[in-house]
Each structure stands twice: as C-alpha cells, then as structure tokens.
Amino acid sequence: MPKDRGAIKWTSLMLPEHVELLQQIWKDDKTEKPTLDPQQLEEMEYELNQAYQQKQPIQITVYTAGKKQSYKGVMTKWKKEKGTILLQSEGQKVEIPISSIIAAAADYDK
C-alpha cells in the first residue's frame, strides 16, 4: 500500500467493498520490469550509439517505480562512468540511468 495518508485516513469510513477496490487499483497500477535478453540489449546499445554519434532524435522507454515512461529527444552526453545519458527532451534536459532503460528506438518522426 502506498504511504499516502490522504486516501488511507478515510478507509475507516468507507465500505469494505470500496476499500478492496482502492487496493486493487493501487496493485494494478504497477507493472513488473521486463527482462531483456542479450540480443535486445545489444540492439538497444546499437540504437543508442547511433543516435548519440549522429545526434539523431531517439525515443527511450524507461522503467522506474513500477511504471514505464517514454522520452523523445536528442542525446547530448553519455556519462559512462556514472552509467547515465543526458537527453535534451522538449526544452529540458533529462538524466536517465542506463540500467532503467527498457527500450530505445530511432525517432524518425522529427
């Protein structure tokens, strides 16, 4: 259960069915991190290298805290010692840990 007291403090006033529904929603909201096979990792590394060297837009999907999030942008730095990349995405810079990346594909829409 989340540590948010905002919804939990009202559970004593709710019907048991409503409490069960809230718990089901919280449980369904999170997904498990997909496991990547070596071929997928190699393909992803190739896409990241190509996008970084040629300064092409790329779409990166990241897994953090039970959720998937996608970023589109141009890689500006690859910090291998830190294990992160810096992505210029929609006017802001986003630092992404390489270990949390689950997919990377060239973004040909730009």
N, C-alpha and C. Protein backbone atom coordinates (compact mmCIF):
# COMPACT_ATOMS: atom_id res chain seq x y z
N MET A 1 0.83 -1.18 0.00
CA MET A 1 0.00 0.00 0.00
C MET A 1 0.88 1.24 0.00
N PRO A 2 0.47 2.26 -0.71
CA PRO A 2 1.25 3.50 -0.74
C PRO A 2 1.28 4.15 0.64
N LYS A 3 2.27 4.96 0.87
CA LYS A 3 2.42 5.63 2.15
C LYS A 3 1.62 6.93 2.21
N ASP A 4 0.74 7.13 1.25
CA ASP A 4 -0.08 8.33 1.18
C ASP A 4 -1.21 8.24 2.19
N ARG A 5 -1.16 9.09 3.19
CA ARG A 5 -2.21 9.08 4.21
C ARG A 5 -3.49 9.74 3.69
N GLY A 6 -3.44 10.42 2.56
CA GLY A 6 -4.60 11.11 2.03
C GLY A 6 -5.79 10.20 1.80
N ALA A 7 -5.58 9.04 1.22
CA ALA A 7 -6.68 8.11 0.96
C ALA A 7 -6.86 7.13 2.10
N ILE A 8 -5.79 6.78 2.78
CA ILE A 8 -5.85 5.76 3.82
C ILE A 8 -6.65 6.26 5.02
N LYS A 9 -6.55 7.53 5.36
CA LYS A 9 -7.23 8.01 6.55
C LYS A 9 -8.75 7.94 6.43
N TRP A 10 -9.27 7.83 5.20
CA TRP A 10 -10.71 7.75 5.00
C TRP A 10 -11.21 6.31 4.93
N THR A 11 -10.33 5.34 4.92
CA THR A 11 -10.77 3.96 4.74
C THR A 11 -11.65 3.46 5.89
N SER A 12 -11.51 4.01 7.07
CA SER A 12 -12.36 3.57 8.18
C SER A 12 -13.81 4.00 7.97
N LEU A 13 -14.03 5.02 7.16
CA LEU A 13 -15.39 5.49 6.89
C LEU A 13 -15.97 4.89 5.61
N MET A 14 -15.19 4.07 4.93
CA MET A 14 -15.63 3.52 3.65
C MET A 14 -16.19 2.11 3.84
N LEU A 15 -17.00 1.72 2.88
CA LEU A 15 -17.49 0.35 2.86
C LEU A 15 -16.34 -0.59 2.52
N PRO A 16 -16.38 -1.81 3.02
CA PRO A 16 -15.29 -2.76 2.72
C PRO A 16 -15.09 -2.98 1.22
N GLU A 17 -16.17 -2.94 0.46
CA GLU A 17 -16.05 -3.13 -1.00
C GLU A 17 -15.24 -2.00 -1.63
N HIS A 18 -15.43 -0.80 -1.12
CA HIS A 18 -14.69 0.34 -1.66
C HIS A 18 -13.20 0.25 -1.30
N VAL A 19 -12.91 -0.20 -0.09
CA VAL A 19 -11.52 -0.38 0.32
C VAL A 19 -10.84 -1.40 -0.57
N GLU A 20 -11.53 -2.51 -0.86
CA GLU A 20 -10.97 -3.54 -1.74
C GLU A 20 -10.72 -3.00 -3.14
N LEU A 21 -11.65 -2.19 -3.64
CA LEU A 21 -11.46 -1.59 -4.97
C LEU A 21 -10.25 -0.67 -4.99
N LEU A 22 -10.06 0.14 -3.95
CA LEU A 22 -8.89 1.01 -3.89
C LEU A 22 -7.60 0.21 -3.86
N GLN A 23 -7.59 -0.87 -3.07
CA GLN A 23 -6.40 -1.71 -3.00
C GLN A 23 -6.11 -2.36 -4.34
N GLN A 24 -7.15 -2.77 -5.05
CA GLN A 24 -6.99 -3.38 -6.38
C GLN A 24 -6.43 -2.37 -7.38
N ILE A 25 -6.90 -1.14 -7.31
CA ILE A 25 -6.41 -0.09 -8.22
C ILE A 25 -4.93 0.17 -7.96
N TRP A 26 -4.53 0.26 -6.69
CA TRP A 26 -3.13 0.51 -6.36
C TRP A 26 -2.25 -0.64 -6.82
N LYS A 27 -2.75 -1.87 -6.70
CA LYS A 27 -1.97 -3.04 -7.10
C LYS A 27 -1.85 -3.13 -8.62
N ASP A 28 -2.93 -2.82 -9.35
CA ASP A 28 -2.91 -2.91 -10.81
C ASP A 28 -2.11 -1.80 -11.46
N ASP A 29 -1.89 -0.72 -10.74
CA ASP A 29 -1.20 0.44 -11.31
C ASP A 29 0.27 0.15 -11.60
N LYS A 30 0.87 -0.76 -10.85
CA LYS A 30 2.30 -1.05 -11.02
C LYS A 30 2.50 -2.24 -11.94
N THR A 31 3.57 -2.17 -12.72
CA THR A 31 3.94 -3.27 -13.60
C THR A 31 5.33 -3.75 -13.22
N GLU A 32 5.63 -4.97 -13.60
CA GLU A 32 6.96 -5.50 -13.33
C GLU A 32 7.92 -5.10 -14.43
N LYS A 33 9.19 -4.96 -14.06
CA LYS A 33 10.21 -4.61 -15.05
C LYS A 33 10.43 -5.80 -15.98
N PRO A 34 10.32 -5.56 -17.28
CA PRO A 34 10.54 -6.66 -18.22
C PRO A 34 12.02 -7.07 -18.25
N THR A 35 12.26 -8.35 -18.42
CA THR A 35 13.63 -8.82 -18.55
C THR A 35 14.01 -8.80 -20.03
N LEU A 36 15.19 -8.31 -20.30
CA LEU A 36 15.67 -8.19 -21.67
C LEU A 36 16.70 -9.27 -21.95
N ASP A 37 16.56 -9.90 -23.10
CA ASP A 37 17.56 -10.92 -23.46
C ASP A 37 18.78 -10.23 -24.06
N PRO A 38 19.90 -10.92 -24.18
CA PRO A 38 21.14 -10.30 -24.67
C PRO A 38 21.00 -9.68 -26.06
N GLN A 39 20.20 -10.26 -26.92
CA GLN A 39 20.02 -9.70 -28.26
C GLN A 39 19.30 -8.35 -28.19
N GLN A 40 18.29 -8.23 -27.34
CA GLN A 40 17.59 -6.96 -27.17
C GLN A 40 18.53 -5.90 -26.59
N LEU A 41 19.36 -6.29 -25.63
CA LEU A 41 20.32 -5.34 -25.05
C LEU A 41 21.32 -4.85 -26.09
N GLU A 42 21.79 -5.77 -26.93
CA GLU A 42 22.74 -5.40 -27.97
C GLU A 42 22.11 -4.46 -29.00
N GLU A 43 20.87 -4.75 -29.38
CA GLU A 43 20.15 -3.90 -30.33
C GLU A 43 19.91 -2.52 -29.74
N MET A 44 19.55 -2.48 -28.46
CA MET A 44 19.31 -1.21 -27.79
C MET A 44 20.60 -0.38 -27.71
N GLU A 45 21.71 -1.04 -27.38
CA GLU A 45 23.00 -0.34 -27.31
C GLU A 45 23.39 0.21 -28.68
N TYR A 46 23.12 -0.55 -29.74
CA TYR A 46 23.41 -0.08 -31.10
C TYR A 46 22.59 1.17 -31.41
N GLU A 47 21.31 1.14 -31.09
CA GLU A 47 20.44 2.30 -31.35
C GLU A 47 20.93 3.53 -30.58
N LEU A 48 21.31 3.34 -29.31
CA LEU A 48 21.80 4.45 -28.50
C LEU A 48 23.10 5.02 -29.08
N ASN A 49 24.02 4.14 -29.48
CA ASN A 49 25.28 4.59 -30.08
C ASN A 49 25.05 5.38 -31.36
N GLN A 50 24.18 4.86 -32.23
CA GLN A 50 23.90 5.55 -33.50
C GLN A 50 23.29 6.93 -33.24
N ALA A 51 22.33 6.98 -32.34
CA ALA A 51 21.66 8.25 -32.04
C ALA A 51 22.63 9.25 -31.42
N TYR A 52 23.53 8.77 -30.58
CA TYR A 52 24.49 9.67 -29.92
C TYR A 52 25.53 10.19 -30.91
N GLN A 53 26.08 9.31 -31.73
CA GLN A 53 27.13 9.72 -32.66
C GLN A 53 26.59 10.62 -33.77
N GLN A 54 25.38 10.37 -34.24
CA GLN A 54 24.82 11.14 -35.35
C GLN A 54 23.88 12.25 -34.89
N LYS A 55 23.74 12.41 -33.56
CA LYS A 55 22.86 13.44 -32.98
C LYS A 55 21.46 13.38 -33.56
N GLN A 56 20.93 12.16 -33.68
CA GLN A 56 19.58 11.95 -34.21
C GLN A 56 18.59 11.81 -33.05
N PRO A 57 17.33 12.19 -33.28
CA PRO A 57 16.31 12.00 -32.24
C PRO A 57 16.11 10.52 -31.95
N ILE A 58 15.81 10.23 -30.70
CA ILE A 58 15.60 8.85 -30.27
C ILE A 58 14.46 8.83 -29.25
N GLN A 59 13.74 7.73 -29.24
CA GLN A 59 12.69 7.53 -28.24
C GLN A 59 13.18 6.47 -27.27
N ILE A 60 13.20 6.82 -25.98
CA ILE A 60 13.69 5.93 -24.94
C ILE A 60 12.56 5.65 -23.96
N THR A 61 12.35 4.37 -23.67
CA THR A 61 11.37 3.97 -22.68
C THR A 61 12.12 3.53 -21.42
N VAL A 62 11.71 4.11 -20.30
CA VAL A 62 12.39 3.91 -19.02
C VAL A 62 11.41 3.28 -18.03
N TYR A 63 11.94 2.37 -17.19
CA TYR A 63 11.15 1.75 -16.14
C TYR A 63 11.63 2.28 -14.79
N THR A 64 10.73 2.98 -14.07
CA THR A 64 11.06 3.47 -12.73
C THR A 64 9.83 3.36 -11.85
N ALA A 65 10.04 2.90 -10.65
CA ALA A 65 8.99 2.84 -9.62
C ALA A 65 7.72 2.15 -10.09
N GLY A 66 7.86 1.07 -10.84
CA GLY A 66 6.70 0.29 -11.26
C GLY A 66 5.97 0.84 -12.46
N LYS A 67 6.49 1.86 -13.10
CA LYS A 67 5.83 2.46 -14.26
C LYS A 67 6.80 2.64 -15.41
N LYS A 68 6.24 2.65 -16.61
CA LYS A 68 7.02 2.91 -17.82
C LYS A 68 6.78 4.35 -18.24
N GLN A 69 7.86 4.99 -18.68
CA GLN A 69 7.75 6.37 -19.15
C GLN A 69 8.61 6.52 -20.39
N SER A 70 8.11 7.24 -21.38
CA SER A 70 8.84 7.43 -22.64
C SER A 70 9.33 8.86 -22.76
N TYR A 71 10.52 8.99 -23.34
CA TYR A 71 11.12 10.29 -23.61
C TYR A 71 11.53 10.32 -25.07
N LYS A 72 11.34 11.46 -25.72
CA LYS A 72 11.83 11.67 -27.08
C LYS A 72 12.77 12.86 -27.03
N GLY A 73 13.90 12.71 -27.72
CA GLY A 73 14.84 13.80 -27.74
C GLY A 73 16.16 13.40 -28.35
N VAL A 74 17.16 14.26 -28.17
CA VAL A 74 18.50 14.04 -28.72
C VAL A 74 19.46 13.84 -27.54
N MET A 75 20.27 12.80 -27.64
CA MET A 75 21.26 12.55 -26.59
C MET A 75 22.38 13.58 -26.69
N THR A 76 22.65 14.27 -25.59
CA THR A 76 23.70 15.28 -25.61
C THR A 76 24.97 14.78 -24.94
N LYS A 77 24.85 13.89 -23.95
CA LYS A 77 26.02 13.33 -23.26
C LYS A 77 25.77 11.89 -22.91
N TRP A 78 26.85 11.13 -22.89
CA TRP A 78 26.81 9.74 -22.44
C TRP A 78 27.85 9.63 -21.34
N LYS A 79 27.41 9.61 -20.09
CA LYS A 79 28.31 9.56 -18.94
C LYS A 79 28.52 8.10 -18.55
N LYS A 80 29.53 7.49 -19.15
CA LYS A 80 29.76 6.06 -18.92
C LYS A 80 30.23 5.77 -17.50
N GLU A 81 30.98 6.71 -16.90
CA GLU A 81 31.46 6.48 -15.54
C GLU A 81 30.30 6.52 -14.53
N LYS A 82 29.27 7.31 -14.82
CA LYS A 82 28.10 7.38 -13.95
C LYS A 82 27.02 6.38 -14.35
N GLY A 83 27.10 5.91 -15.59
CA GLY A 83 26.08 4.99 -16.09
C GLY A 83 24.79 5.68 -16.45
N THR A 84 24.90 6.91 -16.95
CA THR A 84 23.71 7.68 -17.33
C THR A 84 23.89 8.31 -18.69
N ILE A 85 22.76 8.71 -19.28
CA ILE A 85 22.80 9.52 -20.50
C ILE A 85 22.02 10.79 -20.23
N LEU A 86 22.35 11.84 -20.96
CA LEU A 86 21.67 13.11 -20.85
C LEU A 86 20.89 13.31 -22.13
N LEU A 87 19.60 13.50 -22.01
CA LEU A 87 18.72 13.62 -23.17
C LEU A 87 18.08 14.99 -23.18
N GLN A 88 18.23 15.71 -24.29
CA GLN A 88 17.57 17.00 -24.47
C GLN A 88 16.17 16.71 -25.00
N SER A 89 15.17 16.87 -24.13
CA SER A 89 13.80 16.48 -24.46
C SER A 89 12.85 17.64 -24.23
N GLU A 90 12.27 18.14 -25.27
CA GLU A 90 11.25 19.20 -25.21
C GLU A 90 11.67 20.39 -24.35
N GLY A 91 12.86 20.90 -24.60
CA GLY A 91 13.33 22.08 -23.90
C GLY A 91 13.92 21.83 -22.53
N GLN A 92 13.95 20.60 -22.09
CA GLN A 92 14.55 20.29 -20.79
C GLN A 92 15.54 19.15 -20.93
N LYS A 93 16.51 19.13 -20.03
CA LYS A 93 17.49 18.06 -20.03
C LYS A 93 17.09 17.02 -19.00
N VAL A 94 17.09 15.76 -19.42
CA VAL A 94 16.70 14.66 -18.55
C VAL A 94 17.89 13.72 -18.43
N GLU A 95 18.29 13.41 -17.19
CA GLU A 95 19.36 12.45 -16.96
C GLU A 95 18.72 11.08 -16.70
N ILE A 96 19.07 10.11 -17.54
CA ILE A 96 18.44 8.79 -17.49
C ILE A 96 19.49 7.74 -17.15
N PRO A 97 19.27 6.95 -16.10
CA PRO A 97 20.18 5.85 -15.81
C PRO A 97 20.06 4.76 -16.88
N ILE A 98 21.18 4.29 -17.37
CA ILE A 98 21.17 3.28 -18.42
C ILE A 98 20.52 1.99 -17.94
N SER A 99 20.67 1.67 -16.67
CA SER A 99 20.10 0.43 -16.13
C SER A 99 18.57 0.43 -16.12
N SER A 100 17.94 1.61 -16.20
CA SER A 100 16.48 1.67 -16.18
C SER A 100 15.87 1.71 -17.58
N ILE A 101 16.70 1.77 -18.63
CA ILE A 101 16.19 1.80 -20.00
C ILE A 101 15.74 0.40 -20.41
N ILE A 102 14.50 0.31 -20.90
CA ILE A 102 13.98 -0.98 -21.34
C ILE A 102 13.76 -1.03 -22.84
N ALA A 103 13.79 0.13 -23.52
CA ALA A 103 13.65 0.16 -24.98
C ALA A 103 14.22 1.46 -25.52
N ALA A 104 14.80 1.36 -26.71
CA ALA A 104 15.34 2.53 -27.39
C ALA A 104 15.15 2.33 -28.89
N ALA A 105 14.60 3.34 -29.54
CA ALA A 105 14.37 3.25 -30.98
C ALA A 105 14.56 4.62 -31.60
N ALA A 106 15.11 4.63 -32.80
CA ALA A 106 15.29 5.89 -33.53
C ALA A 106 13.93 6.51 -33.78
N ASP A 107 13.85 7.81 -33.57
CA ASP A 107 12.59 8.54 -33.75
C ASP A 107 12.65 9.25 -35.11
N TYR A 108 12.02 8.66 -36.10
CA TYR A 108 12.06 9.20 -37.45
C TYR A 108 10.98 10.24 -37.70
N ASP A 109 10.15 10.52 -36.71
CA ASP A 109 9.06 11.48 -36.90
C ASP A 109 9.54 12.91 -36.91
N LYS A 110 10.73 13.18 -36.37
CA LYS A 110 11.22 14.57 -36.29
C LYS A 110 11.94 14.97 -37.54
